[in-house]
Amino acid sequence: MNEKLENAVPAQKPEKGTPEQRPETGASEQKSYQKVVEYVNQGIQDRKLKPGDRLPAERELAEELDISRNSVREGLRVMENIGILDSRRGSGNYVSMNFDSTMTDMLASMYVLKGITESQLTEYRFAIEWMAMHLAVQRAGEEEKEELREAIRNLQEAKTEDERIQYDRKIHQTMVDATHNEFMITSYRALTNFMDSYIRSMRRRIIKGMQSNHQLEETHRLLVEGVISGDLEMGLKGIRGHFDYIDQFKDIEEMRK
C-alpha cells in the first residue's frame, strides 16, 4: 500500500529560472545573503581581494553563489554598511576598507548606551597617544616630520580658536599617522572624529582657565620636536604635559559646577 501511495505522488521537479526568478523566502533568504558576506570575507583573507578591486557584477555573483539577485544586493549592502565595500552608481562595487565612519558611529552608540564619560574618552586617547609616541619616534618619515613642523608653526601663528583647534588636531593625528600602524591610525581617527565637539569644548575650557595659550603650545612643541628628533623622553614629556593640563582644568571646571 505504501508503494502505491508513493507512486501516486508525482515526483517534484527542480525549480527553474534565472537568479532573479529563483524564489527565496524567510530563513532561506536570510541565509542566502550571508553567502555574499562569506564570499567577500574569504576573498580578502585569501588575498584575492584588496582595496580598489571591483567585485563581479550582481548577476555573476548570483549565478556563482546560486542565490537570487535580491540576496546579492542585501549582502552587498551589509558589507557596505560596515565599511568593507563602496558601491558606485553605474560602476559597480569595490573593496574600500573605509572603516572610519563605521567606527565613529559605533563609538557614538557606545557613548550613549554604555554611559561613557569624558574622563574615559580622555584616558583612551591618552593610551593611544602614549604608545603612538613610542612608535613615531622610530618610524616617522620626512614627509610626516615636515607636516609636524608646518602644523606647529601654524598653531603658534593661529589667530582664532577654530584655527588653534584645527592645528592641534593636525599635530596629534600626524603623530599617530607616523606609527604606520593602520589599526592604531584608524582607531584614533574614528575617536577624534567622534570627539570633535568634545575636544573643542574641552580645549576652550582649558585655555579659558590658563593665563595664556603658551603653556599648552609648549606641550605641543615638545611633542613635535620629540618625533622629529627621535627623542622619546621629550615626546612623552609633551604628551604627559598636554593631558595633565586637560585633567587639571577639567577638575577646576567640575569644582565650579
Protein backbone atom coordinates (compact mmCIF):
# COMPACT_ATOMS: atom_id res chain seq x y z
CA MET A 1 0.00 0.00 0.00
CA ASN A 2 2.80 2.39 0.83
CA GLU A 3 4.29 1.65 -2.56
CA LYS A 4 1.04 2.61 -4.27
CA LEU A 5 0.84 5.88 -2.36
CA GLU A 6 4.40 6.74 -3.30
CA ASN A 7 3.68 6.03 -6.95
CA ALA A 8 0.53 8.17 -6.76
CA VAL A 9 2.53 11.31 -5.74
CA PRO A 10 4.29 12.83 -8.75
CA ALA A 11 7.98 13.46 -8.28
CA GLN A 12 8.78 17.14 -7.52
CA LYS A 13 10.68 18.75 -10.34
CA PRO A 14 13.59 21.10 -9.56
CA GLU A 15 12.68 24.77 -9.91
CA LYS A 16 13.95 26.55 -12.94
CA GLY A 17 14.56 30.14 -13.64
CA THR A 18 17.10 32.89 -13.66
CA PRO A 19 18.65 34.16 -10.40
CA GLU A 20 16.07 36.98 -10.39
CA GLN A 21 13.21 34.45 -10.58
CA ARG A 22 14.57 31.90 -8.11
CA PRO A 23 12.26 32.01 -5.05
CA GLU A 24 13.83 32.54 -1.64
CA THR A 25 11.80 33.37 1.42
CA GLY A 26 12.08 33.51 5.19
CA ALA A 27 15.10 31.87 6.78
CA SER A 28 16.35 30.76 3.37
CA GLU A 29 16.60 34.40 2.22
CA GLN A 30 18.46 35.39 5.39
CA LYS A 31 21.00 32.61 4.93
CA SER A 32 21.46 33.39 1.26
CA TYR A 33 22.75 36.94 1.71
CA GLN A 34 25.34 35.58 4.14
CA LYS A 35 26.92 33.79 1.20
CA VAL A 36 27.91 37.19 -0.19
CA VAL A 37 29.41 38.20 3.15
CA GLU A 38 31.38 34.96 3.30
CA TYR A 39 32.46 35.32 -0.33
CA VAL A 40 33.91 38.79 0.27
CA ASN A 41 35.49 37.94 3.63
CA GLN A 42 37.10 34.81 2.23
CA GLY A 43 38.39 36.70 -0.79
CA ILE A 44 40.04 39.23 1.49
CA GLN A 45 41.54 36.58 3.76
CA ASP A 46 42.90 34.67 0.76
CA ARG A 47 44.40 37.91 -0.64
CA LYS A 48 42.27 37.54 -3.75
CA LEU A 49 40.52 40.83 -2.99
CA LYS A 50 42.33 44.01 -1.97
CA PRO A 51 41.35 47.68 -1.65
CA GLY A 52 40.32 49.09 -5.02
CA ASP A 53 39.34 45.74 -6.55
CA ARG A 54 35.96 45.57 -8.29
CA LEU A 55 33.60 42.73 -7.43
CA PRO A 56 31.86 40.71 -10.14
CA ALA A 57 28.51 42.06 -11.33
CA GLU A 58 25.39 41.18 -9.33
CA ARG A 59 24.24 38.70 -11.97
CA GLU A 60 27.59 36.89 -11.92
CA LEU A 61 27.59 36.70 -8.12
CA ALA A 62 24.02 35.38 -8.11
CA GLU A 63 24.95 32.60 -10.54
CA GLU A 64 28.23 31.74 -8.83
CA LEU A 65 26.69 31.63 -5.33
CA ASP A 66 23.39 30.11 -6.53
CA ILE A 67 21.23 32.78 -4.89
CA SER A 68 18.83 35.46 -6.07
CA ARG A 69 19.96 38.95 -7.05
CA ASN A 70 17.92 40.31 -4.15
CA SER A 71 20.06 38.28 -1.79
CA VAL A 72 23.19 39.53 -3.55
CA ARG A 73 22.08 43.13 -3.10
CA GLU A 74 21.33 42.53 0.58
CA GLY A 75 24.75 41.00 1.15
CA LEU A 76 26.48 43.84 -0.67
CA ARG A 77 24.51 46.36 1.39
CA VAL A 78 25.65 44.71 4.61
CA MET A 79 29.30 44.86 3.56
CA GLU A 80 28.94 48.49 2.51
CA ASN A 81 27.38 49.43 5.84
CA ILE A 82 30.36 48.07 7.78
CA GLY A 83 32.82 49.85 5.52
CA ILE A 84 34.29 46.97 3.53
CA LEU A 85 32.66 47.80 0.19
CA ASP A 86 31.96 51.01 -1.69
CA SER A 87 29.00 50.99 -4.07
CA ARG A 88 29.43 53.35 -7.03
CA ARG A 89 26.36 54.01 -9.15
CA GLY A 90 26.87 52.87 -12.71
CA SER A 91 30.29 51.42 -11.95
CA GLY A 92 29.89 48.56 -9.50
CA ASN A 93 31.02 47.51 -6.04
CA TYR A 94 34.61 47.97 -4.90
CA VAL A 95 36.64 46.85 -1.90
CA SER A 96 37.21 50.06 0.07
CA MET A 97 38.11 49.25 3.71
CA ASN A 98 36.53 52.54 4.74
CA PHE A 99 36.09 51.85 8.45
CA ASP A 100 36.38 55.41 9.80
CA SER A 101 32.70 56.32 9.64
CA THR A 102 31.61 52.88 10.84
CA MET A 103 33.86 53.03 13.89
CA THR A 104 32.80 56.61 14.58
CA ASP A 105 29.13 55.56 14.58
CA MET A 106 29.97 52.64 16.85
CA LEU A 107 31.75 54.90 19.35
CA ALA A 108 28.82 57.31 19.33
CA SER A 109 26.44 54.45 20.14
CA MET A 110 28.73 53.16 22.90
CA TYR A 111 28.98 56.66 24.36
CA VAL A 112 25.21 56.85 24.78
CA LEU A 113 24.29 53.24 25.52
CA LYS A 114 27.16 52.46 27.90
CA GLY A 115 27.22 55.85 29.57
CA ILE A 116 30.87 56.52 28.72
CA THR A 117 32.25 59.65 30.40
CA GLU A 118 34.58 62.36 29.11
CA SER A 119 37.22 61.07 31.55
CA GLN A 120 37.07 57.61 29.99
CA LEU A 121 37.41 59.07 26.50
CA THR A 122 40.42 61.09 27.62
CA GLU A 123 42.03 58.00 29.19
CA TYR A 124 41.54 56.04 25.95
CA ARG A 125 43.00 58.85 23.86
CA PHE A 126 45.96 59.15 26.22
CA ALA A 127 46.65 55.40 26.00
CA ILE A 128 46.75 55.54 22.18
CA GLU A 129 48.96 58.63 22.03
CA TRP A 130 51.37 57.35 24.70
CA MET A 131 52.03 54.17 22.73
CA ALA A 132 51.97 56.02 19.42
CA MET A 133 54.85 58.24 20.56
CA HIS A 134 57.00 55.16 21.22
CA LEU A 135 56.48 54.08 17.61
CA ALA A 136 56.50 57.51 15.96
CA VAL A 137 60.00 58.43 17.17
CA GLN A 138 61.28 55.31 15.42
CA ARG A 139 59.15 55.30 12.26
CA ALA A 140 58.33 58.90 11.30
CA GLY A 141 59.36 59.72 7.72
CA GLU A 142 60.49 63.06 6.32
CA GLU A 143 57.03 63.85 4.96
CA GLU A 144 55.42 63.39 8.37
CA LYS A 145 58.14 65.40 10.07
CA GLU A 146 57.58 68.28 7.66
CA GLU A 147 53.83 68.11 8.30
CA LEU A 148 54.53 68.41 12.02
CA ARG A 149 56.84 71.40 11.51
CA GLU A 150 54.19 73.15 9.44
CA ALA A 151 51.41 72.33 11.92
CA ILE A 152 53.31 73.68 14.94
CA ARG A 153 54.13 76.89 13.03
CA ASN A 154 50.50 77.31 12.10
CA LEU A 155 49.43 76.64 15.69
CA GLN A 156 51.79 79.30 17.00
CA GLU A 157 50.58 81.82 14.42
CA ALA A 158 46.87 80.97 14.70
CA LYS A 159 44.61 83.98 15.22
CA THR A 160 41.34 82.28 16.12
CA GLU A 161 40.32 79.48 18.43
CA ASP A 162 38.99 77.44 15.49
CA GLU A 163 42.43 77.64 13.84
CA ARG A 164 44.13 76.51 17.04
CA ILE A 165 41.77 73.55 17.32
CA GLN A 166 42.43 72.63 13.67
CA TYR A 167 46.22 72.59 14.09
CA ASP A 168 46.03 70.93 17.50
CA ARG A 169 44.20 68.04 15.87
CA LYS A 170 46.63 68.00 12.94
CA ILE A 171 49.62 67.62 15.25
CA HIS A 172 48.16 64.72 17.20
CA GLN A 173 46.82 62.89 14.13
CA THR A 174 50.12 63.23 12.27
CA MET A 175 51.98 61.85 15.27
CA VAL A 176 49.69 58.80 15.24
CA ASP A 177 49.98 58.51 11.44
CA ALA A 178 53.76 58.34 11.89
CA THR A 179 53.37 55.00 13.69
CA HIS A 180 52.48 53.39 10.32
CA ASN A 181 50.19 51.10 12.33
CA GLU A 182 46.94 51.04 10.37
CA PHE A 183 44.84 49.67 13.22
CA MET A 184 46.04 52.41 15.56
CA ILE A 185 45.62 55.10 12.89
CA THR A 186 42.06 54.09 12.01
CA SER A 187 41.03 53.73 15.66
CA TYR A 188 42.44 57.13 16.54
CA ARG A 189 40.89 58.86 13.54
CA ALA A 190 37.47 57.42 14.43
CA LEU A 191 37.94 58.55 18.02
CA THR A 192 38.87 62.11 17.09
CA ASN A 193 36.02 62.33 14.56
CA PHE A 194 33.63 61.41 17.35
CA MET A 195 35.28 63.69 19.88
CA ASP A 196 35.36 66.79 17.68
CA SER A 197 32.72 68.61 19.67
CA TYR A 198 34.19 67.33 22.92
CA ILE A 199 37.73 68.42 22.01
CA ARG A 200 36.52 71.87 21.02
CA SER A 201 34.67 72.45 24.29
CA MET A 202 37.44 70.90 26.36
CA ARG A 203 40.16 72.98 24.74
CA ARG A 204 38.13 76.16 25.22
CA ARG A 205 37.73 75.35 28.91
CA ILE A 206 41.46 74.65 29.24
CA ILE A 207 42.55 77.88 27.56
CA LYS A 208 39.98 79.87 29.50
CA GLY A 209 41.49 78.52 32.70
CA MET A 210 45.02 79.49 31.67
CA GLN A 211 46.50 82.97 31.64
CA SER A 212 47.73 82.41 28.08
CA ASN A 213 47.96 79.76 25.34
CA HIS A 214 51.70 79.49 25.84
CA GLN A 215 51.62 76.59 28.29
CA LEU A 216 49.52 74.37 26.05
CA GLU A 217 51.52 75.27 22.95
CA GLU A 218 54.73 74.39 24.80
CA THR A 219 53.48 70.82 25.25
CA HIS A 220 52.84 70.64 21.51
CA ARG A 221 56.35 71.93 20.80
CA LEU A 222 57.83 69.15 22.94
CA LEU A 223 55.62 66.57 21.24
CA VAL A 224 56.62 67.72 17.75
CA GLU A 225 60.33 68.07 18.47
CA GLY A 226 60.34 64.68 20.16
CA VAL A 227 59.05 62.98 17.00
CA ILE A 228 61.28 64.97 14.64
CA SER A 229 64.47 64.39 16.64
CA GLY A 230 63.62 60.83 17.66
CA ASP A 231 63.76 61.87 21.34
CA LEU A 232 61.26 59.62 23.12
CA GLU A 233 61.70 61.26 26.51
CA MET A 234 60.96 64.72 25.09
CA GLY A 235 57.93 63.47 23.16
CA LEU A 236 56.46 61.70 26.17
CA LYS A 237 57.01 64.82 28.27
CA GLY A 238 54.91 66.75 25.75
CA ILE A 239 52.11 64.18 25.85
CA ARG A 240 52.15 63.95 29.63
CA GLY A 241 52.04 67.75 29.93
CA HIS A 242 49.19 68.00 27.43
CA PHE A 243 46.99 65.52 29.29
CA ASP A 244 47.98 66.86 32.71
CA TYR A 245 46.56 70.21 31.62
CA ILE A 246 43.38 68.54 30.41
CA ASP A 247 42.94 66.80 33.77
CA GLN A 248 43.86 69.91 35.74
CA PHE A 249 41.35 72.23 34.13
CA LYS A 250 38.69 69.54 33.88
CA ASP A 251 38.87 69.22 37.66
CA ILE A 252 38.68 73.02 38.08
CA GLU A 253 35.62 73.14 35.84
CA GLU A 254 33.93 70.37 37.82
CA MET A 255 34.64 72.19 41.10
CA ARG A 256 32.90 75.28 39.72
CA LYS A 257 29.69 73.37 38.96
